[in-house]
Amino acid sequence: MTVYGHAAGELPFYEPAKGIRGNADGGMFLLTVPVHEGQDLLLINDRNSNKEQICRVVNVTIRDIMTSEVVVAFPFPNPEFWGLPATT
């Protein structure tokens, strides 16, 4: 997965990220670039036909000096982003 974003007054960034888990409503991944709650990001799932998804950061937990655990929410459920089967 690749994450694109930028904060107000900062340069845009992109970073390959390691996904931890995902569901139709969002997901969790590891980043080395600092992000903050409320920030919008663009996710590209390199393993699922380069599907794109805008999301909002809802939680950031510092794991160590270089890595943060980032939880994001999608504006609308999108199980297809992660390649999950659609539920009815």
N, C-alpha and C. Protein backbone atom coordinates (compact mmCIF):
# COMPACT_ATOMS: atom_id res chain seq x y z
N MET A 1 0.85 -1.16 0.00
CA MET A 1 0.00 0.00 0.00
C MET A 1 0.90 1.23 0.00
N THR A 2 0.45 2.24 -0.70
CA THR A 2 1.15 3.52 -0.72
C THR A 2 0.21 4.57 -0.13
N VAL A 3 0.76 5.43 0.71
CA VAL A 3 -0.02 6.49 1.37
C VAL A 3 0.48 7.84 0.86
N TYR A 4 -0.46 8.68 0.41
CA TYR A 4 -0.15 10.03 -0.03
C TYR A 4 -0.86 11.01 0.90
N GLY A 5 -0.22 12.13 1.18
CA GLY A 5 -0.86 13.14 2.01
C GLY A 5 -0.02 14.38 2.15
N HIS A 6 -0.56 15.36 2.84
CA HIS A 6 0.17 16.56 3.25
C HIS A 6 -0.64 17.30 4.29
N ALA A 7 0.05 17.91 5.20
CA ALA A 7 -0.60 18.72 6.22
C ALA A 7 -0.53 20.18 5.77
N ALA A 8 -1.36 21.02 6.36
CA ALA A 8 -1.37 22.44 6.01
C ALA A 8 0.02 23.02 6.17
N GLY A 9 0.49 23.70 5.14
CA GLY A 9 1.79 24.36 5.19
C GLY A 9 2.97 23.42 5.03
N GLU A 10 2.74 22.15 4.74
CA GLU A 10 3.83 21.20 4.57
C GLU A 10 3.83 20.65 3.16
N LEU A 11 4.98 20.11 2.75
CA LEU A 11 5.09 19.51 1.43
C LEU A 11 4.34 18.19 1.38
N PRO A 12 3.78 17.85 0.22
CA PRO A 12 3.14 16.54 0.08
C PRO A 12 4.16 15.43 0.29
N PHE A 13 3.67 14.26 0.69
CA PHE A 13 4.53 13.10 0.87
C PHE A 13 3.85 11.86 0.30
N TYR A 14 4.64 10.87 0.03
CA TYR A 14 4.10 9.54 -0.25
C TYR A 14 5.07 8.55 0.37
N GLU A 15 4.50 7.46 0.86
CA GLU A 15 5.31 6.46 1.55
C GLU A 15 4.68 5.08 1.41
N PRO A 16 5.49 4.09 1.08
CA PRO A 16 4.98 2.72 1.17
C PRO A 16 4.68 2.42 2.63
N ALA A 17 3.54 1.81 2.90
CA ALA A 17 3.13 1.53 4.27
C ALA A 17 2.83 0.05 4.43
N LYS A 18 3.02 -0.44 5.65
CA LYS A 18 2.71 -1.82 5.95
C LYS A 18 1.32 -1.88 6.59
N GLY A 19 0.38 -2.49 5.87
CA GLY A 19 -0.97 -2.64 6.40
C GLY A 19 -1.00 -3.66 7.52
N ILE A 20 -1.75 -3.36 8.57
CA ILE A 20 -1.90 -4.28 9.69
C ILE A 20 -3.25 -4.98 9.62
N ARG A 21 -4.29 -4.19 9.38
CA ARG A 21 -5.62 -4.76 9.19
C ARG A 21 -6.51 -3.76 8.48
N GLY A 22 -7.57 -4.29 7.88
CA GLY A 22 -8.50 -3.43 7.18
C GLY A 22 -9.88 -4.05 7.16
N ASN A 23 -10.88 -3.20 7.06
CA ASN A 23 -12.25 -3.66 6.90
C ASN A 23 -12.97 -2.65 6.01
N ALA A 24 -14.26 -2.85 5.82
CA ALA A 24 -15.02 -2.00 4.91
C ALA A 24 -15.03 -0.54 5.34
N ASP A 25 -14.81 -0.27 6.63
CA ASP A 25 -14.90 1.09 7.16
C ASP A 25 -13.56 1.81 7.30
N GLY A 26 -12.44 1.11 7.10
CA GLY A 26 -11.14 1.75 7.25
C GLY A 26 -10.05 0.74 7.46
N GLY A 27 -9.01 1.13 8.20
CA GLY A 27 -7.91 0.21 8.42
C GLY A 27 -6.85 0.78 9.34
N MET A 28 -5.78 -0.02 9.49
CA MET A 28 -4.65 0.37 10.32
C MET A 28 -3.37 0.01 9.57
N PHE A 29 -2.38 0.90 9.62
CA PHE A 29 -1.11 0.64 8.97
C PHE A 29 0.00 1.39 9.70
N LEU A 30 1.23 1.07 9.35
CA LEU A 30 2.40 1.70 9.96
C LEU A 30 2.97 2.74 9.01
N LEU A 31 3.35 3.90 9.56
CA LEU A 31 3.96 4.98 8.79
C LEU A 31 5.17 5.52 9.52
N THR A 32 6.14 6.03 8.77
CA THR A 32 7.26 6.74 9.39
C THR A 32 7.10 8.25 9.26
N VAL A 33 6.21 8.69 8.36
CA VAL A 33 5.92 10.11 8.20
C VAL A 33 4.91 10.52 9.28
N PRO A 34 5.15 11.63 9.98
CA PRO A 34 4.18 12.06 11.00
C PRO A 34 2.87 12.52 10.36
N VAL A 35 1.76 12.05 10.92
CA VAL A 35 0.43 12.50 10.52
C VAL A 35 -0.34 12.82 11.80
N HIS A 36 -1.48 13.47 11.66
CA HIS A 36 -2.26 13.85 12.84
C HIS A 36 -3.72 13.51 12.63
N GLU A 37 -4.43 13.37 13.74
CA GLU A 37 -5.86 13.07 13.69
C GLU A 37 -6.59 14.16 12.91
N GLY A 38 -7.54 13.75 12.08
CA GLY A 38 -8.30 14.69 11.27
C GLY A 38 -7.70 14.93 9.89
N GLN A 39 -6.48 14.48 9.66
CA GLN A 39 -5.81 14.67 8.38
C GLN A 39 -6.38 13.70 7.34
N ASP A 40 -6.57 14.19 6.12
CA ASP A 40 -7.01 13.34 5.02
C ASP A 40 -5.80 12.75 4.32
N LEU A 41 -5.92 11.48 3.93
CA LEU A 41 -4.88 10.78 3.21
C LEU A 41 -5.49 10.08 2.01
N LEU A 42 -4.67 9.78 1.02
CA LEU A 42 -5.07 8.96 -0.11
C LEU A 42 -4.30 7.65 -0.01
N LEU A 43 -5.04 6.54 0.00
CA LEU A 43 -4.42 5.22 0.05
C LEU A 43 -4.52 4.59 -1.34
N ILE A 44 -3.46 3.91 -1.74
CA ILE A 44 -3.47 3.14 -2.98
C ILE A 44 -3.08 1.72 -2.63
N ASN A 45 -3.97 0.78 -2.91
CA ASN A 45 -3.72 -0.62 -2.62
C ASN A 45 -3.00 -1.24 -3.81
N ASP A 46 -1.68 -1.36 -3.70
CA ASP A 46 -0.85 -1.86 -4.79
C ASP A 46 -1.14 -3.33 -5.10
N ARG A 47 -1.74 -4.05 -4.16
CA ARG A 47 -2.02 -5.47 -4.36
C ARG A 47 -3.42 -5.73 -4.89
N ASN A 48 -4.23 -4.69 -5.01
CA ASN A 48 -5.61 -4.86 -5.45
C ASN A 48 -5.89 -3.91 -6.61
N SER A 49 -5.21 -4.11 -7.73
CA SER A 49 -5.42 -3.33 -8.95
C SER A 49 -5.25 -1.83 -8.74
N ASN A 50 -4.37 -1.45 -7.80
CA ASN A 50 -4.11 -0.04 -7.52
C ASN A 50 -5.38 0.73 -7.16
N LYS A 51 -6.29 0.09 -6.45
CA LYS A 51 -7.51 0.77 -6.00
C LYS A 51 -7.12 1.95 -5.11
N GLU A 52 -7.85 3.05 -5.23
CA GLU A 52 -7.60 4.26 -4.45
C GLU A 52 -8.73 4.50 -3.47
N GLN A 53 -8.39 5.11 -2.33
CA GLN A 53 -9.41 5.42 -1.32
C GLN A 53 -8.96 6.63 -0.51
N ILE A 54 -9.81 7.65 -0.46
CA ILE A 54 -9.58 8.78 0.44
C ILE A 54 -10.02 8.33 1.83
N CYS A 55 -9.28 8.77 2.85
CA CYS A 55 -9.64 8.40 4.22
C CYS A 55 -9.24 9.53 5.16
N ARG A 56 -9.68 9.42 6.39
CA ARG A 56 -9.35 10.41 7.43
C ARG A 56 -8.69 9.69 8.59
N VAL A 57 -7.61 10.28 9.09
CA VAL A 57 -6.90 9.73 10.24
C VAL A 57 -7.76 9.92 11.48
N VAL A 58 -8.03 8.82 12.21
CA VAL A 58 -8.85 8.91 13.42
C VAL A 58 -8.04 8.63 14.68
N ASN A 59 -6.85 8.03 14.52
CA ASN A 59 -6.01 7.78 15.71
C ASN A 59 -4.58 7.55 15.25
N VAL A 60 -3.64 8.08 16.02
CA VAL A 60 -2.22 7.87 15.77
C VAL A 60 -1.58 7.44 17.09
N THR A 61 -0.88 6.31 17.07
CA THR A 61 -0.18 5.80 18.25
C THR A 61 1.29 5.66 17.90
N ILE A 62 2.15 6.31 18.66
CA ILE A 62 3.58 6.21 18.43
C ILE A 62 4.05 4.83 18.88
N ARG A 63 4.65 4.08 17.96
CA ARG A 63 5.16 2.74 18.30
C ARG A 63 6.59 2.80 18.79
N ASP A 64 7.41 3.58 18.08
CA ASP A 64 8.81 3.76 18.46
C ASP A 64 9.28 5.08 17.86
N ILE A 65 10.56 5.34 17.94
CA ILE A 65 11.10 6.63 17.51
C ILE A 65 10.87 6.90 16.02
N MET A 66 10.71 5.84 15.22
CA MET A 66 10.57 6.00 13.77
C MET A 66 9.18 5.67 13.23
N THR A 67 8.32 5.02 13.99
CA THR A 67 7.09 4.46 13.43
C THR A 67 5.86 4.82 14.24
N SER A 68 4.79 5.13 13.51
CA SER A 68 3.48 5.36 14.12
C SER A 68 2.49 4.34 13.57
N GLU A 69 1.56 3.94 14.41
CA GLU A 69 0.44 3.10 14.03
C GLU A 69 -0.72 4.05 13.73
N VAL A 70 -1.22 4.03 12.51
CA VAL A 70 -2.23 4.98 12.06
C VAL A 70 -3.53 4.24 11.78
N VAL A 71 -4.62 4.73 12.37
CA VAL A 71 -5.96 4.18 12.13
C VAL A 71 -6.72 5.20 11.30
N VAL A 72 -7.33 4.72 10.21
CA VAL A 72 -8.08 5.61 9.33
C VAL A 72 -9.51 5.11 9.15
N ALA A 73 -10.39 6.04 8.79
CA ALA A 73 -11.78 5.73 8.50
C ALA A 73 -12.09 6.19 7.08
N PHE A 74 -12.88 5.38 6.36
CA PHE A 74 -13.35 5.75 5.03
C PHE A 74 -14.63 6.56 5.19
N PRO A 75 -14.91 7.49 4.26
CA PRO A 75 -16.15 8.26 4.36
C PRO A 75 -17.39 7.39 4.13
N PHE A 76 -17.24 6.32 3.33
CA PHE A 76 -18.32 5.37 3.05
C PHE A 76 -17.72 3.97 3.07
N PRO A 77 -18.46 2.96 3.49
CA PRO A 77 -17.91 1.60 3.49
C PRO A 77 -17.41 1.20 2.09
N ASN A 78 -16.23 0.57 2.05
CA ASN A 78 -15.63 0.17 0.78
C ASN A 78 -14.83 -1.13 0.97
N PRO A 79 -15.53 -2.27 1.08
CA PRO A 79 -14.81 -3.53 1.27
C PRO A 79 -13.94 -3.89 0.06
N GLU A 80 -14.28 -3.39 -1.11
CA GLU A 80 -13.51 -3.70 -2.31
C GLU A 80 -12.08 -3.15 -2.26
N PHE A 81 -11.85 -2.08 -1.49
CA PHE A 81 -10.50 -1.52 -1.42
C PHE A 81 -9.49 -2.54 -0.94
N TRP A 82 -9.85 -3.30 0.08
CA TRP A 82 -8.95 -4.31 0.64
C TRP A 82 -9.08 -5.64 -0.07
N GLY A 83 -10.02 -5.76 -1.01
CA GLY A 83 -10.24 -7.02 -1.68
C GLY A 83 -11.11 -7.96 -0.86
N LEU A 84 -11.92 -7.39 0.04
CA LEU A 84 -12.82 -8.18 0.88
C LEU A 84 -14.12 -8.45 0.14
N PRO A 85 -14.77 -9.55 0.44
CA PRO A 85 -16.08 -9.78 -0.19
C PRO A 85 -17.10 -8.78 0.33
N ALA A 86 -17.97 -8.33 -0.54
CA ALA A 86 -19.04 -7.41 -0.13
C ALA A 86 -20.05 -8.16 0.73
N THR A 87 -20.56 -7.48 1.75
CA THR A 87 -21.57 -8.09 2.61
C THR A 87 -22.92 -7.49 2.28
N THR A 88 -23.96 -8.25 2.55
CA THR A 88 -25.30 -7.74 2.24
C THR A 88 -26.04 -7.43 3.52
